[in-house]
Each structure stands twice: as structure tokens, then as C-alpha cells.
Protein backbone atom coordinates (compact mmCIF):
# COMPACT_ATOMS: atom_id res chain seq x y z
CA MET A 1 0.00 0.00 0.00
CA LYS A 2 2.86 2.35 0.71
CA THR A 3 4.17 1.98 -2.85
CA ALA A 4 0.72 2.71 -4.30
CA GLY A 5 0.47 5.75 -2.04
CA ILE A 6 3.83 7.08 -3.19
CA ILE A 7 2.90 6.57 -6.86
CA LEU A 8 -0.46 8.32 -6.43
CA PHE A 9 1.19 11.13 -4.49
CA ILE A 10 3.78 11.75 -7.21
CA LEU A 11 1.18 11.57 -10.00
CA GLY A 12 -1.06 13.94 -8.03
CA ILE A 13 1.71 16.50 -7.60
CA ALA A 14 2.67 16.30 -11.27
CA GLY A 15 -0.94 16.57 -12.47
CA THR A 16 -1.75 19.45 -10.14
CA LEU A 17 1.31 21.39 -11.28
CA ILE A 18 0.85 20.73 -15.00
CA PHE A 19 -2.90 21.29 -15.15
CA GLY A 20 -2.70 24.20 -12.71
CA ILE A 21 -0.16 26.05 -14.83
CA GLN A 22 -2.25 25.41 -17.95
CA ALA A 23 -5.36 26.72 -16.20
CA LEU A 24 -3.57 29.85 -15.00
CA ASP A 25 -2.28 30.50 -18.51
CA GLN A 26 -5.86 30.49 -19.82
CA SER A 27 -6.89 33.53 -17.81
CA GLU A 28 -7.36 37.02 -19.16
CA SER A 29 -6.92 40.19 -17.17
CA PHE A 30 -8.11 43.73 -17.64
CA GLN A 31 -8.08 46.94 -15.66
CA LEU A 32 -11.19 48.55 -14.26
CA PHE A 33 -10.88 51.77 -12.23
CA GLY A 34 -7.21 51.05 -11.59
CA LEU A 35 -7.81 47.46 -10.40
CA ASP A 36 -6.36 44.49 -12.26
CA ILE A 37 -9.18 41.94 -12.68
CA ALA A 38 -8.47 38.41 -13.92
CA VAL A 39 -11.11 36.22 -15.55
CA SER A 40 -10.39 32.53 -15.98
CA LYS A 41 -11.76 30.57 -18.93
CA ALA A 42 -10.01 27.37 -17.88
CA ASN A 43 -11.48 23.98 -17.13
CA TRP A 44 -10.55 23.35 -13.48
CA THR A 45 -11.80 19.73 -13.41
CA PRO A 46 -8.37 18.12 -14.13
CA VAL A 47 -6.80 20.21 -11.36
CA ILE A 48 -9.46 19.06 -8.89
CA PHE A 49 -9.03 15.39 -9.88
CA SER A 50 -5.26 15.70 -9.55
CA ALA A 51 -5.62 17.20 -6.09
CA VAL A 52 -7.94 14.33 -5.07
CA ILE A 53 -5.38 11.80 -6.34
CA LEU A 54 -2.65 13.62 -4.42
CA ALA A 55 -4.76 13.50 -1.23
CA ALA A 56 -5.53 9.80 -1.73
CA GLY A 57 -1.82 9.05 -2.12
CA LEU A 58 -1.02 11.02 1.00
CA ILE A 59 -3.71 9.17 2.98
CA LEU A 60 -2.40 5.80 1.76
CA MET A 61 1.16 6.72 2.72
CA ILE A 62 0.16 7.89 6.19
CA SER A 63 -2.14 4.93 6.86
CA SER A 64 0.49 2.41 5.74
CA ARG A 65 3.08 4.07 7.97
CA LYS A 66 0.77 3.89 10.99
CA SER A 67 -0.14 0.26 10.36
CA THR A 68 3.53 -0.82 10.15
CA THR A 69 4.47 0.86 13.43
CA ARG A 70 1.86 -1.06 15.48
């Protein structure tokens, strides 16, 4: 389980970084009354799934560590 947790954790980090950067690049900004306003046209679903995979990997790593120390 620890190996699966590490793999999911690494894939989650990579996916969150890659999809997050792509989503941030798809935003447009404009100025209104001196304020810089950004509007995102990105699809945030891959970022959310990657974050869930990252959390699942972290939970698996922590739970496998606790079960081996008992």
C-alpha cells in the first residue's frame, strides 16, 4: 500500500502542477478603475481530480506508515 500511495502522491503533484499552470495560462486580465481583474476561462476539473489523487496518495502513505508501526 505504501508503494501505491507514493505513486499516487507523485502523480497527483505532477498533475496538479501541470494542469494548474495550464489553467492559469488560460486567464485574461483587464483593468477597471485602476484594479487588475483576472477572468479565468479554464477547465478546473483536471486540477481538482489531480488534487484528489494527491490527497488519496497522501492518505495511503500515512495509513500504511501507521499500520507498520503497530
